[in-house]
C-alpha atoms as a PDB file:
ATOM      1  CA  MET A   1       2.025  12.643  -6.046  1.00  0.00           C
ATOM      2  CA  PRO A   2       4.351  15.501  -5.106  1.00  0.00           C
ATOM      3  CA  ALA A   3       7.635  15.703  -6.990  1.00  0.00           C
ATOM      4  CA  GLY A   4      10.217  13.484  -5.345  1.00  0.00           C
ATOM      5  CA  GLY A   5       7.612  11.097  -3.950  1.00  0.00           C
ATOM      6  CA  GLU A   6       7.296   8.892  -7.002  1.00  0.00           C
ATOM      7  CA  TYR A   7       9.460   6.183  -5.444  1.00  0.00           C
ATOM      8  CA  LEU A   8       6.970   5.867  -2.575  1.00  0.00           C
ATOM      9  CA  TRP A   9       4.110   5.551  -5.050  1.00  0.00           C
ATOM     10  CA  ARG A  10       6.035   2.808  -6.886  1.00  0.00           C
ATOM     11  CA  ALA A  11       6.679   0.983  -3.589  1.00  0.00           C
ATOM     12  CA  PHE A  12       3.000   1.257  -2.646  1.00  0.00           C
ATOM     13  CA  HIS A  13       1.932   0.050  -6.091  1.00  0.00           C
ATOM     14  CA  ARG A  14       4.246  -2.963  -5.931  1.00  0.00           C
ATOM     15  CA  LEU A  15       2.949  -3.852  -2.483  1.00  0.00           C
ATOM     16  CA  SER A  16      -0.656  -3.302  -3.517  1.00  0.00           C
ATOM     17  CA  LEU A  17      -0.369  -5.681  -6.464  1.00  0.00           C
ATOM     18  CA  ARG A  18       0.457  -8.455  -3.996  1.00  0.00           C
ATOM     19  CA  ARG A  19      -2.154  -7.702  -1.329  1.00  0.00           C
ATOM     20  CA  SER A  20      -4.465 -10.405  -0.089  1.00  0.00           C
ATOM     21  CA  SER A  21      -8.254 -10.422  -0.168  1.00  0.00           C
ATOM     22  CA  ASN A  22     -10.834 -11.643   2.318  1.00  0.00           C
ATOM     23  CA  GLY A  23     -13.607 -12.438  -0.144  1.00  0.00           C
ATOM     24  CA  PHE A  24     -15.331  -9.103   0.490  1.00  0.00           C
ATOM     25  CA  GLY A  25     -12.541  -6.897  -0.774  1.00  0.00           C
ATOM     26  CA  ALA A  26      -8.886  -6.121  -0.437  1.00  0.00           C
ATOM     27  CA  ASN A  27      -7.113  -6.431   2.906  1.00  0.00           C
ATOM     28  CA  ALA A  28      -4.991  -3.648   4.286  1.00  0.00           C
ATOM     29  CA  LEU A  29      -1.274  -4.005   3.766  1.00  0.00           C
ATOM     30  CA  SER A  30       0.151  -5.655   6.853  1.00  0.00           C
ATOM     31  CA  TRP A  31       3.404  -5.196   8.710  1.00  0.00           C
ATOM     32  CA  PRO A  32       4.573  -8.625   7.478  1.00  0.00           C
ATOM     33  CA  ASP A  33       3.744  -7.557   3.895  1.00  0.00           C
ATOM     34  CA  ILE A  34       5.829  -4.402   4.247  1.00  0.00           C
ATOM     35  CA  ASP A  35       8.638  -6.238   6.046  1.00  0.00           C
ATOM     36  CA  ALA A  36       8.813  -8.883   3.320  1.00  0.00           C
ATOM     37  CA  PHE A  37       8.813  -6.201   0.631  1.00  0.00           C
ATOM     38  CA  VAL A  38      11.710  -4.353   2.267  1.00  0.00           C
ATOM     39  CA  ARG A  39      13.737  -7.527   2.804  1.00  0.00           C
ATOM     40  CA  LEU A  40      13.124  -9.099  -0.595  1.00  0.00           C
ATOM     41  CA  SER A  41      13.223  -6.020  -2.797  1.00  0.00           C
ATOM     42  CA  GLY A  42      16.214  -4.365  -1.186  1.00  0.00           C
ATOM     43  CA  VAL A  43      14.243  -1.107  -0.973  1.00  0.00           C
ATOM     44  CA  ALA A  44      15.209   0.509   2.323  1.00  0.00           C
ATOM     45  CA  LEU A  45      12.350   2.483   3.822  1.00  0.00           C
ATOM     46  CA  GLU A  46      12.545   4.881   6.729  1.00  0.00           C
ATOM     47  CA  PRO A  47       9.721   4.867   9.294  1.00  0.00           C
ATOM     48  CA  TRP A  48       8.244   8.078   7.858  1.00  0.00           C
ATOM     49  CA  GLU A  49       8.210   6.504   4.381  1.00  0.00           C
ATOM     50  CA  ILE A  50       6.347   3.472   5.708  1.00  0.00           C
ATOM     51  CA  GLU A  51       3.869   5.842   7.336  1.00  0.00           C
ATOM     52  CA  ILE A  52       3.212   7.498   3.959  1.00  0.00           C
ATOM     53  CA  ILE A  53       2.675   4.082   2.356  1.00  0.00           C
ATOM     54  CA  GLU A  54       0.219   3.263   5.149  1.00  0.00           C
ATOM     55  CA  HIS A  55      -1.658   6.505   4.459  1.00  0.00           C
ATOM     56  CA  LEU A  56      -1.772   5.680   0.745  1.00  0.00           C
ATOM     57  CA  ASP A  57      -3.204   2.299   1.679  1.00  0.00           C
ATOM     58  CA  VAL A  58      -5.980   3.898   3.745  1.00  0.00           C
ATOM     59  CA  LEU A  59      -6.847   6.139   0.792  1.00  0.00           C
ATOM     60  CA  PHE A  60      -6.858   3.130  -1.544  1.00  0.00           C
ATOM     61  CA  LEU A  61      -9.112   1.068   0.726  1.00  0.00           C
ATOM     62  CA  THR A  62     -11.465   4.009   1.272  1.00  0.00           C
ATOM     63  CA  GLN A  63     -11.826   4.486  -2.476  1.00  0.00           C
ATOM     64  CA  GLN A  64     -12.401   0.759  -2.998  1.00  0.00           C
ATOM     65  CA  ALA A  65     -15.204   0.826  -0.397  1.00  0.00           C
ATOM     66  CA  LYS A  66     -16.841   3.839  -2.080  1.00  0.00           C
ATOM     67  CA  GLU A  67     -16.737   2.098  -5.447  1.00  0.00           C
ATOM     68  CA  ARG A  68     -18.310  -1.060  -3.962  1.00  0.00           C
ATOM     69  CA  GLU A  69     -21.112   1.013  -2.412  1.00  0.00           C
ATOM     70  CA  GLN A  70     -21.867   2.683  -5.760  1.00  0.00           C
ATOM     71  CA  SER A  71     -22.117  -0.574  -7.672  1.00  0.00           C
END
C-alpha cells in the first residue's frame, strides 16, 4: 500500500471482515455494505476513495478464486 493509503486499507479490511458468503466463496462488497460502514463508523469516504476500496475488493476476490482453483 502506498504511503498515505493505509487508512483505505484499514477501511477495506474492516469491510472485508464483515462480508457475506454465498456458499461457494465470498461475495463482493456491496453498495449497502459500504453505505452502512460509512454511516455506522463515521468514516467519511470520498467517491474516489470508495473506488479504490472497490478495486481492492476485485483484487481480493480474484486472489480468492485463484486459491480455490489451486486447492
